[in-house]
Amino acid sequence: MSLGTILIILLILMLVGALPRWPHSVSWGYLPSGALGTILIVLVILLLMGRL
């Protein structure tokens, strides 16, 4: 598998994990989705620069 495929799979898993659907994650606030957004922005910038 290529690096891009692995990153897409990881991104999808992180998106599912960031959803506040479980009772224990109600108090987390915006932390999971904020961290995921930051990682996504970094990946998009790397893709646009041709480094990934």
Foldseek 3Di string as FASTA:
>chain_A
DDPVVVVVVVLVVLVVVQDPPDPVCPPVPCVSVVVSVVVVVVVVVCVVVVND
